[in-house]
Amino acid sequence: MLLVFSAIACEKKSPPPEGKSENRSIPRVVVEREKVEKEQPLPPEVKIKLKKDGKDNYSWELAGSDVDQILKVNEKLRKQLGGEKPR
């Protein structure tokens, strides 16, 4: 039995000396991911019902799903039209 193991051990190739390097080119894999441009989502829609009375005063009704956007539109209308005063 020992003879079989020793015969197998002798047949193995010894590792190449560290001083000598083999001229193998190591393949490199470069993975490029496709850049997906994300489109900016549209701002939430705000519906405006603008009213003008006989004295040339403006008032409006705002409706929408985003409260912050509604407040921005309200402030913008107030500055441009001089309408509704804050409560």
PDB file of N, CA and C in Angstrom:
ATOM      1  N   MET A   1       0.815  -1.187   0.000  1.00  0.00           N
ATOM      2  CA  MET A   1       0.000   0.000   0.000  1.00  0.00           C
ATOM      3  C   MET A   1       0.858   1.250   0.000  1.00  0.00           C
ATOM      4  N   LEU A   2       1.849   1.268   0.829  1.00  0.00           N
ATOM      5  CA  LEU A   2       2.708   2.435   0.911  1.00  0.00           C
ATOM      6  C   LEU A   2       3.402   2.688  -0.415  1.00  0.00           C
ATOM      7  N   LEU A   3       3.702   1.630  -1.117  1.00  0.00           N
ATOM      8  CA  LEU A   3       4.365   1.797  -2.405  1.00  0.00           C
ATOM      9  C   LEU A   3       3.447   2.498  -3.406  1.00  0.00           C
ATOM     10  N   VAL A   4       2.167   2.204  -3.354  1.00  0.00           N
ATOM     11  CA  VAL A   4       1.214   2.829  -4.261  1.00  0.00           C
ATOM     12  C   VAL A   4       1.121   4.322  -3.974  1.00  0.00           C
ATOM     13  N   PHE A   5       1.015   4.698  -2.712  1.00  0.00           N
ATOM     14  CA  PHE A   5       0.919   6.112  -2.339  1.00  0.00           C
ATOM     15  C   PHE A   5       2.199   6.867  -2.684  1.00  0.00           C
ATOM     16  N   SER A   6       3.337   6.239  -2.445  1.00  0.00           N
ATOM     17  CA  SER A   6       4.598   6.917  -2.738  1.00  0.00           C
ATOM     18  C   SER A   6       4.785   7.057  -4.243  1.00  0.00           C
ATOM     19  N   ALA A   7       4.289   6.091  -5.036  1.00  0.00           N
ATOM     20  CA  ALA A   7       4.409   6.178  -6.486  1.00  0.00           C
ATOM     21  C   ALA A   7       3.523   7.303  -7.017  1.00  0.00           C
ATOM     22  N   ILE A   8       2.375   7.461  -6.444  1.00  0.00           N
ATOM     23  CA  ILE A   8       1.471   8.531  -6.866  1.00  0.00           C
ATOM     24  C   ILE A   8       2.056   9.879  -6.475  1.00  0.00           C
ATOM     25  N   ALA A   9       2.632   9.968  -5.299  1.00  0.00           N
ATOM     26  CA  ALA A   9       3.204  11.217  -4.815  1.00  0.00           C
ATOM     27  C   ALA A   9       4.383  11.634  -5.678  1.00  0.00           C
ATOM     28  N   CYS A  10       5.166  10.704  -6.172  1.00  0.00           N
ATOM     29  CA  CYS A  10       6.321  11.029  -6.997  1.00  0.00           C
ATOM     30  C   CYS A  10       5.913  11.504  -8.385  1.00  0.00           C
ATOM     31  N   GLU A  11       4.760  11.093  -8.852  1.00  0.00           N
ATOM     32  CA  GLU A  11       4.317  11.464 -10.192  1.00  0.00           C
ATOM     33  C   GLU A  11       3.790  12.898 -10.256  1.00  0.00           C
ATOM     34  N   LYS A  12       3.412  13.482  -9.152  1.00  0.00           N
ATOM     35  CA  LYS A  12       2.896  14.854  -9.156  1.00  0.00           C
ATOM     36  C   LYS A  12       3.993  15.811  -9.582  1.00  0.00           C
ATOM     37  N   LYS A  13       3.596  16.795 -10.363  1.00  0.00           N
ATOM     38  CA  LYS A  13       4.553  17.790 -10.819  1.00  0.00           C
ATOM     39  C   LYS A  13       4.821  18.765  -9.686  1.00  0.00           C
ATOM     40  N   SER A  14       6.063  19.154  -9.557  1.00  0.00           N
ATOM     41  CA  SER A  14       6.399  20.128  -8.529  1.00  0.00           C
ATOM     42  C   SER A  14       5.996  21.511  -9.037  1.00  0.00           C
ATOM     43  N   PRO A  15       5.617  22.393  -8.128  1.00  0.00           N
ATOM     44  CA  PRO A  15       5.204  23.731  -8.549  1.00  0.00           C
ATOM     45  C   PRO A  15       6.385  24.467  -9.173  1.00  0.00           C
ATOM     46  N   PRO A  16       6.121  25.340 -10.140  1.00  0.00           N
ATOM     47  CA  PRO A  16       7.217  26.066 -10.785  1.00  0.00           C
ATOM     48  C   PRO A  16       7.886  27.001  -9.791  1.00  0.00           C
ATOM     49  N   PRO A  17       9.160  27.223  -9.968  1.00  0.00           N
ATOM     50  CA  PRO A  17       9.869  28.129  -9.045  1.00  0.00           C
ATOM     51  C   PRO A  17       9.257  29.532  -9.116  1.00  0.00           C
ATOM     52  N   GLU A  18       9.307  30.220  -7.994  1.00  0.00           N
ATOM     53  CA  GLU A  18       8.670  31.528  -7.915  1.00  0.00           C
ATOM     54  C   GLU A  18       9.398  32.569  -8.757  1.00  0.00           C
ATOM     55  N   GLY A  19      10.662  32.385  -9.003  1.00  0.00           N
ATOM     56  CA  GLY A  19      11.447  33.339  -9.769  1.00  0.00           C
ATOM     57  C   GLY A  19      11.022  33.364 -11.230  1.00  0.00           C
ATOM     58  N   LYS A  20      10.557  32.277 -11.752  1.00  0.00           N
ATOM     59  CA  LYS A  20      10.151  32.213 -13.144  1.00  0.00           C
ATOM     60  C   LYS A  20       8.637  32.353 -13.221  1.00  0.00           C
ATOM     61  N   SER A  21       8.202  33.239 -14.087  1.00  0.00           N
ATOM     62  CA  SER A  21       6.760  33.399 -14.253  1.00  0.00           C
ATOM     63  C   SER A  21       6.371  32.859 -15.619  1.00  0.00           C
ATOM     64  N   GLU A  22       5.235  32.258 -15.660  1.00  0.00           N
ATOM     65  CA  GLU A  22       4.749  31.724 -16.915  1.00  0.00           C
ATOM     66  C   GLU A  22       4.142  32.858 -17.723  1.00  0.00           C
ATOM     67  N   ASN A  23       4.197  32.769 -19.006  1.00  0.00           N
ATOM     68  CA  ASN A  23       3.670  33.809 -19.883  1.00  0.00           C
ATOM     69  C   ASN A  23       2.208  33.554 -20.212  1.00  0.00           C
ATOM     70  N   ARG A  24       1.429  33.359 -19.213  1.00  0.00           N
ATOM     71  CA  ARG A  24      -0.006  33.183 -19.406  1.00  0.00           C
ATOM     72  C   ARG A  24      -0.683  34.540 -19.243  1.00  0.00           C
ATOM     73  N   SER A  25      -1.561  34.844 -20.134  1.00  0.00           N
ATOM     74  CA  SER A  25      -2.321  36.079 -19.969  1.00  0.00           C
ATOM     75  C   SER A  25      -3.611  35.720 -19.240  1.00  0.00           C
ATOM     76  N   ILE A  26      -3.840  36.402 -18.186  1.00  0.00           N
ATOM     77  CA  ILE A  26      -5.029  36.146 -17.388  1.00  0.00           C
ATOM     78  C   ILE A  26      -6.168  36.946 -17.993  1.00  0.00           C
ATOM     79  N   PRO A  27      -7.221  36.269 -18.428  1.00  0.00           N
ATOM     80  CA  PRO A  27      -8.332  37.019 -19.026  1.00  0.00           C
ATOM     81  C   PRO A  27      -9.046  37.849 -17.966  1.00  0.00           C
ATOM     82  N   ARG A  28      -9.318  39.076 -18.314  1.00  0.00           N
ATOM     83  CA  ARG A  28     -10.046  39.955 -17.401  1.00  0.00           C
ATOM     84  C   ARG A  28     -11.444  40.156 -17.945  1.00  0.00           C
ATOM     85  N   VAL A  29     -12.376  40.092 -17.069  1.00  0.00           N
ATOM     86  CA  VAL A  29     -13.767  40.278 -17.451  1.00  0.00           C
ATOM     87  C   VAL A  29     -14.189  41.656 -16.980  1.00  0.00           C
ATOM     88  N   VAL A  30     -14.635  42.454 -17.922  1.00  0.00           N
ATOM     89  CA  VAL A  30     -15.104  43.794 -17.598  1.00  0.00           C
ATOM     90  C   VAL A  30     -16.605  43.815 -17.827  1.00  0.00           C
ATOM     91  N   VAL A  31     -17.328  44.116 -16.767  1.00  0.00           N
ATOM     92  CA  VAL A  31     -18.782  44.161 -16.858  1.00  0.00           C
ATOM     93  C   VAL A  31     -19.195  45.625 -16.878  1.00  0.00           C
ATOM     94  N   GLU A  32     -19.859  46.013 -17.941  1.00  0.00           N
ATOM     95  CA  GLU A  32     -20.364  47.377 -18.033  1.00  0.00           C
ATOM     96  C   GLU A  32     -21.873  47.338 -17.924  1.00  0.00           C
ATOM     97  N   ARG A  33     -22.365  48.110 -17.010  1.00  0.00           N
ATOM     98  CA  ARG A  33     -23.812  48.173 -16.848  1.00  0.00           C
ATOM     99  C   ARG A  33     -24.343  49.310 -17.697  1.00  0.00           C
ATOM    100  N   GLU A  34     -25.453  49.048 -18.305  1.00  0.00           N
ATOM    101  CA  GLU A  34     -26.068  50.066 -19.133  1.00  0.00           C
ATOM    102  C   GLU A  34     -26.625  51.158 -18.228  1.00  0.00           C
ATOM    103  N   LYS A  35     -26.264  52.363 -18.533  1.00  0.00           N
ATOM    104  CA  LYS A  35     -26.745  53.488 -17.734  1.00  0.00           C
ATOM    105  C   LYS A  35     -28.164  53.820 -18.166  1.00  0.00           C
ATOM    106  N   VAL A  36     -29.048  53.715 -17.223  1.00  0.00           N
ATOM    107  CA  VAL A  36     -30.450  54.018 -17.498  1.00  0.00           C
ATOM    108  C   VAL A  36     -30.721  55.403 -16.935  1.00  0.00           C
ATOM    109  N   GLU A  37     -31.098  56.298 -17.837  1.00  0.00           N
ATOM    110  CA  GLU A  37     -31.395  57.646 -17.384  1.00  0.00           C
ATOM    111  C   GLU A  37     -32.785  57.673 -16.778  1.00  0.00           C
ATOM    112  N   LYS A  38     -32.833  58.151 -15.558  1.00  0.00           N
ATOM    113  CA  LYS A  38     -34.122  58.253 -14.886  1.00  0.00           C
ATOM    114  C   LYS A  38     -34.708  59.615 -15.206  1.00  0.00           C
ATOM    115  N   GLU A  39     -35.898  59.592 -15.733  1.00  0.00           N
ATOM    116  CA  GLU A  39     -36.565  60.841 -16.042  1.00  0.00           C
ATOM    117  C   GLU A  39     -37.143  61.420 -14.762  1.00  0.00           C
ATOM    118  N   GLN A  40     -37.046  62.725 -14.669  1.00  0.00           N
ATOM    119  CA  GLN A  40     -37.613  63.405 -13.511  1.00  0.00           C
ATOM    120  C   GLN A  40     -39.126  63.239 -13.558  1.00  0.00           C
ATOM    121  N   PRO A  41     -39.725  62.814 -12.459  1.00  0.00           N
ATOM    122  CA  PRO A  41     -41.189  62.690 -12.457  1.00  0.00           C
ATOM    123  C   PRO A  41     -41.818  64.082 -12.551  1.00  0.00           C
ATOM    124  N   LEU A  42     -42.951  64.138 -13.203  1.00  0.00           N
ATOM    125  CA  LEU A  42     -43.657  65.405 -13.317  1.00  0.00           C
ATOM    126  C   LEU A  42     -44.130  65.853 -11.948  1.00  0.00           C
ATOM    127  N   PRO A  43     -44.124  67.153 -11.701  1.00  0.00           N
ATOM    128  CA  PRO A  43     -44.619  67.613 -10.401  1.00  0.00           C
ATOM    129  C   PRO A  43     -46.107  67.288 -10.289  1.00  0.00           C
ATOM    130  N   PRO A  44     -46.569  67.110  -9.072  1.00  0.00           N
ATOM    131  CA  PRO A  44     -47.985  66.782  -8.895  1.00  0.00           C
ATOM    132  C   PRO A  44     -48.863  67.877  -9.496  1.00  0.00           C
ATOM    133  N   GLU A  45     -49.954  67.436 -10.060  1.00  0.00           N
ATOM    134  CA  GLU A  45     -50.858  68.367 -10.733  1.00  0.00           C
ATOM    135  C   GLU A  45     -51.689  69.127  -9.710  1.00  0.00           C
ATOM    136  N   VAL A  46     -51.815  70.433  -9.944  1.00  0.00           N
ATOM    137  CA  VAL A  46     -52.665  71.279  -9.115  1.00  0.00           C
ATOM    138  C   VAL A  46     -53.674  71.936 -10.047  1.00  0.00           C
ATOM    139  N   LYS A  47     -54.954  71.757  -9.745  1.00  0.00           N
ATOM    140  CA  LYS A  47     -56.017  72.355 -10.561  1.00  0.00           C
ATOM    141  C   LYS A  47     -56.403  73.684  -9.918  1.00  0.00           C
ATOM    142  N   ILE A  48     -56.525  74.690 -10.774  1.00  0.00           N
ATOM    143  CA  ILE A  48     -56.832  76.042 -10.297  1.00  0.00           C
ATOM    144  C   ILE A  48     -58.133  76.516 -10.929  1.00  0.00           C
ATOM    145  N   LYS A  49     -59.071  76.950 -10.075  1.00  0.00           N
ATOM    146  CA  LYS A  49     -60.295  77.607 -10.557  1.00  0.00           C
ATOM    147  C   LYS A  49     -60.144  79.078 -10.187  1.00  0.00           C
ATOM    148  N   LEU A  50     -59.885  79.899 -11.195  1.00  0.00           N
ATOM    149  CA  LEU A  50     -59.649  81.318 -10.969  1.00  0.00           C
ATOM    150  C   LEU A  50     -60.957  82.090 -11.169  1.00  0.00           C
ATOM    151  N   LYS A  51     -61.246  82.976 -10.226  1.00  0.00           N
ATOM    152  CA  LYS A  51     -62.487  83.761 -10.284  1.00  0.00           C
ATOM    153  C   LYS A  51     -62.139  85.241 -10.181  1.00  0.00           C
ATOM    154  N   LYS A  52     -62.902  86.059 -10.911  1.00  0.00           N
ATOM    155  CA  LYS A  52     -62.718  87.505 -10.855  1.00  0.00           C
ATOM    156  C   LYS A  52     -64.084  88.141 -10.579  1.00  0.00           C
ATOM    157  N   ASP A  53     -64.128  88.972  -9.553  1.00  0.00           N
ATOM    158  CA  ASP A  53     -65.405  89.597  -9.232  1.00  0.00           C
ATOM    159  C   ASP A  53     -65.536  90.940  -9.959  1.00  0.00           C
ATOM    160  N   GLY A  54     -66.619  91.640  -9.707  1.00  0.00           N
ATOM    161  CA  GLY A  54     -66.895  92.907 -10.378  1.00  0.00           C
ATOM    162  C   GLY A  54     -65.930  94.019 -10.003  1.00  0.00           C
ATOM    163  N   LYS A  55     -65.232  93.887  -8.923  1.00  0.00           N
ATOM    164  CA  LYS A  55     -64.304  94.928  -8.459  1.00  0.00           C
ATOM    165  C   LYS A  55     -62.860  94.625  -8.890  1.00  0.00           C
ATOM    166  N   ASP A  56     -62.696  93.740  -9.851  1.00  0.00           N
ATOM    167  CA  ASP A  56     -61.385  93.318 -10.363  1.00  0.00           C
ATOM    168  C   ASP A  56     -60.512  92.653  -9.296  1.00  0.00           C
ATOM    169  N   ASN A  57     -61.156  92.008  -8.354  1.00  0.00           N
ATOM    170  CA  ASN A  57     -60.431  91.223  -7.364  1.00  0.00           C
ATOM    171  C   ASN A  57     -60.454  89.751  -7.787  1.00  0.00           C
ATOM    172  N   TYR A  58     -59.371  89.077  -7.528  1.00  0.00           N
ATOM    173  CA  TYR A  58     -59.272  87.663  -7.896  1.00  0.00           C
ATOM    174  C   TYR A  58     -59.369  86.777  -6.666  1.00  0.00           C
ATOM    175  N   SER A  59     -59.970  85.638  -6.879  1.00  0.00           N
ATOM    176  CA  SER A  59     -59.958  84.580  -5.867  1.00  0.00           C
ATOM    177  C   SER A  59     -59.813  83.266  -6.624  1.00  0.00           C
ATOM    178  N   TRP A  60     -59.460  82.207  -5.908  1.00  0.00           N
ATOM    179  CA  TRP A  60     -59.242  80.934  -6.578  1.00  0.00           C
ATOM    180  C   TRP A  60     -59.479  79.763  -5.654  1.00  0.00           C
ATOM    181  N   GLU A  61     -59.714  78.636  -6.291  1.00  0.00           N
ATOM    182  CA  GLU A  61     -59.841  77.363  -5.578  1.00  0.00           C
ATOM    183  C   GLU A  61     -58.771  76.449  -6.132  1.00  0.00           C
ATOM    184  N   LEU A  62     -58.048  75.811  -5.240  1.00  0.00           N
ATOM    185  CA  LEU A  62     -56.974  74.901  -5.636  1.00  0.00           C
ATOM    186  C   LEU A  62     -57.317  73.480  -5.221  1.00  0.00           C
ATOM    187  N   ALA A  63     -56.990  72.516  -6.083  1.00  0.00           N
ATOM    188  CA  ALA A  63     -57.215  71.102  -5.771  1.00  0.00           C
ATOM    189  C   ALA A  63     -56.035  70.297  -6.301  1.00  0.00           C
ATOM    190  N   GLY A  64     -55.629  69.304  -5.531  1.00  0.00           N
ATOM    191  CA  GLY A  64     -54.527  68.451  -5.960  1.00  0.00           C
ATOM    192  C   GLY A  64     -54.212  67.418  -4.902  1.00  0.00           C
ATOM    193  N   SER A  65     -53.218  66.576  -5.201  1.00  0.00           N
ATOM    194  CA  SER A  65     -52.885  65.486  -4.280  1.00  0.00           C
ATOM    195  C   SER A  65     -51.710  65.811  -3.365  1.00  0.00           C
ATOM    196  N   ASP A  66     -50.903  66.822  -3.715  1.00  0.00           N
ATOM    197  CA  ASP A  66     -49.717  67.159  -2.921  1.00  0.00           C
ATOM    198  C   ASP A  66     -49.934  68.509  -2.238  1.00  0.00           C
ATOM    199  N   VAL A  67     -50.017  68.483  -0.923  1.00  0.00           N
ATOM    200  CA  VAL A  67     -50.312  69.693  -0.154  1.00  0.00           C
ATOM    201  C   VAL A  67     -49.208  70.734  -0.330  1.00  0.00           C
ATOM    202  N   ASP A  68     -47.955  70.299  -0.323  1.00  0.00           N
ATOM    203  CA  ASP A  68     -46.850  71.241  -0.471  1.00  0.00           C
ATOM    204  C   ASP A  68     -46.925  71.971  -1.813  1.00  0.00           C
ATOM    205  N   GLN A  69     -47.248  71.241  -2.853  1.00  0.00           N
ATOM    206  CA  GLN A  69     -47.368  71.845  -4.185  1.00  0.00           C
ATOM    207  C   GLN A  69     -48.528  72.840  -4.218  1.00  0.00           C
ATOM    208  N   ILE A  70     -49.627  72.502  -3.575  1.00  0.00           N
ATOM    209  CA  ILE A  70     -50.790  73.405  -3.526  1.00  0.00           C
ATOM    210  C   ILE A  70     -50.418  74.699  -2.806  1.00  0.00           C
ATOM    211  N   LEU A  71     -49.673  74.576  -1.709  1.00  0.00           N
ATOM    212  CA  LEU A  71     -49.263  75.774  -0.973  1.00  0.00           C
ATOM    213  C   LEU A  71     -48.325  76.656  -1.796  1.00  0.00           C
ATOM    214  N   LYS A  72     -47.442  76.035  -2.573  1.00  0.00           N
ATOM    215  CA  LYS A  72     -46.537  76.804  -3.432  1.00  0.00           C
ATOM    216  C   LYS A  72     -47.318  77.560  -4.503  1.00  0.00           C
ATOM    217  N   VAL A  73     -48.279  76.888  -5.118  1.00  0.00           N
ATOM    218  CA  VAL A  73     -49.096  77.531  -6.152  1.00  0.00           C
ATOM    219  C   VAL A  73     -49.908  78.655  -5.535  1.00  0.00           C
ATOM    220  N   ASN A  74     -50.464  78.443  -4.354  1.00  0.00           N
ATOM    221  CA  ASN A  74     -51.262  79.466  -3.670  1.00  0.00           C
ATOM    222  C   ASN A  74     -50.417  80.702  -3.398  1.00  0.00           C
ATOM    223  N   GLU A  75     -49.206  80.516  -2.912  1.00  0.00           N
ATOM    224  CA  GLU A  75     -48.311  81.634  -2.617  1.00  0.00           C
ATOM    225  C   GLU A  75     -47.940  82.382  -3.896  1.00  0.00           C
ATOM    226  N   LYS A  76     -47.713  81.649  -4.962  1.00  0.00           N
ATOM    227  CA  LYS A  76     -47.366  82.260  -6.238  1.00  0.00           C
ATOM    228  C   LYS A  76     -48.526  83.097  -6.780  1.00  0.00           C
ATOM    229  N   LEU A  77     -49.736  82.562  -6.700  1.00  0.00           N
ATOM    230  CA  LEU A  77     -50.918  83.310  -7.149  1.00  0.00           C
ATOM    231  C   LEU A  77     -51.130  84.562  -6.301  1.00  0.00           C
ATOM    232  N   ARG A  78     -50.915  84.413  -5.007  1.00  0.00           N
ATOM    233  CA  ARG A  78     -51.108  85.544  -4.092  1.00  0.00           C
ATOM    234  C   ARG A  78     -50.139  86.675  -4.453  1.00  0.00           C
ATOM    235  N   LYS A  79     -48.883  86.328  -4.771  1.00  0.00           N
ATOM    236  CA  LYS A  79     -47.901  87.356  -5.117  1.00  0.00           C
ATOM    237  C   LYS A  79     -48.207  87.987  -6.465  1.00  0.00           C
ATOM    238  N   GLN A  80     -48.636  87.178  -7.438  1.00  0.00           N
ATOM    239  CA  GLN A  80     -48.862  87.701  -8.786  1.00  0.00           C
ATOM    240  C   GLN A  80     -50.188  88.440  -8.935  1.00  0.00           C
ATOM    241  N   LEU A  81     -51.223  87.944  -8.255  1.00  0.00           N
ATOM    242  CA  LEU A  81     -52.554  88.527  -8.443  1.00  0.00           C
ATOM    243  C   LEU A  81     -52.998  89.402  -7.290  1.00  0.00           C
ATOM    244  N   GLY A  82     -52.312  89.288  -6.158  1.00  0.00           N
ATOM    245  CA  GLY A  82     -52.685  90.089  -4.996  1.00  0.00           C
ATOM    246  C   GLY A  82     -54.060  89.728  -4.480  1.00  0.00           C
ATOM    247  N   GLY A  83     -54.434  88.508  -4.625  1.00  0.00           N
ATOM    248  CA  GLY A  83     -55.776  88.064  -4.247  1.00  0.00           C
ATOM    249  C   GLY A  83     -55.866  87.718  -2.780  1.00  0.00           C
ATOM    250  N   GLU A  84     -56.429  86.557  -2.502  1.00  0.00           N
ATOM    251  CA  GLU A  84     -56.740  86.103  -1.142  1.00  0.00           C
ATOM    252  C   GLU A  84     -55.624  86.411  -0.157  1.00  0.00           C
ATOM    253  N   LYS A  85     -56.033  86.908   0.982  1.00  0.00           N
ATOM    254  CA  LYS A  85     -55.081  87.180   2.065  1.00  0.00           C
ATOM    255  C   LYS A  85     -54.951  85.921   2.916  1.00  0.00           C
ATOM    256  N   PRO A  86     -53.763  85.654   3.496  1.00  0.00           N
ATOM    257  CA  PRO A  86     -53.638  84.482   4.363  1.00  0.00           C
ATOM    258  C   PRO A  86     -54.524  84.604   5.587  1.00  0.00           C
ATOM    259  N   ARG A  87     -55.059  83.492   6.021  1.00  0.00           N
ATOM    260  CA  ARG A  87     -55.983  83.510   7.164  1.00  0.00           C
ATOM    261  C   ARG A  87     -55.266  83.367   8.461  1.00  0.00           C
TER     262      ARG A  87
END
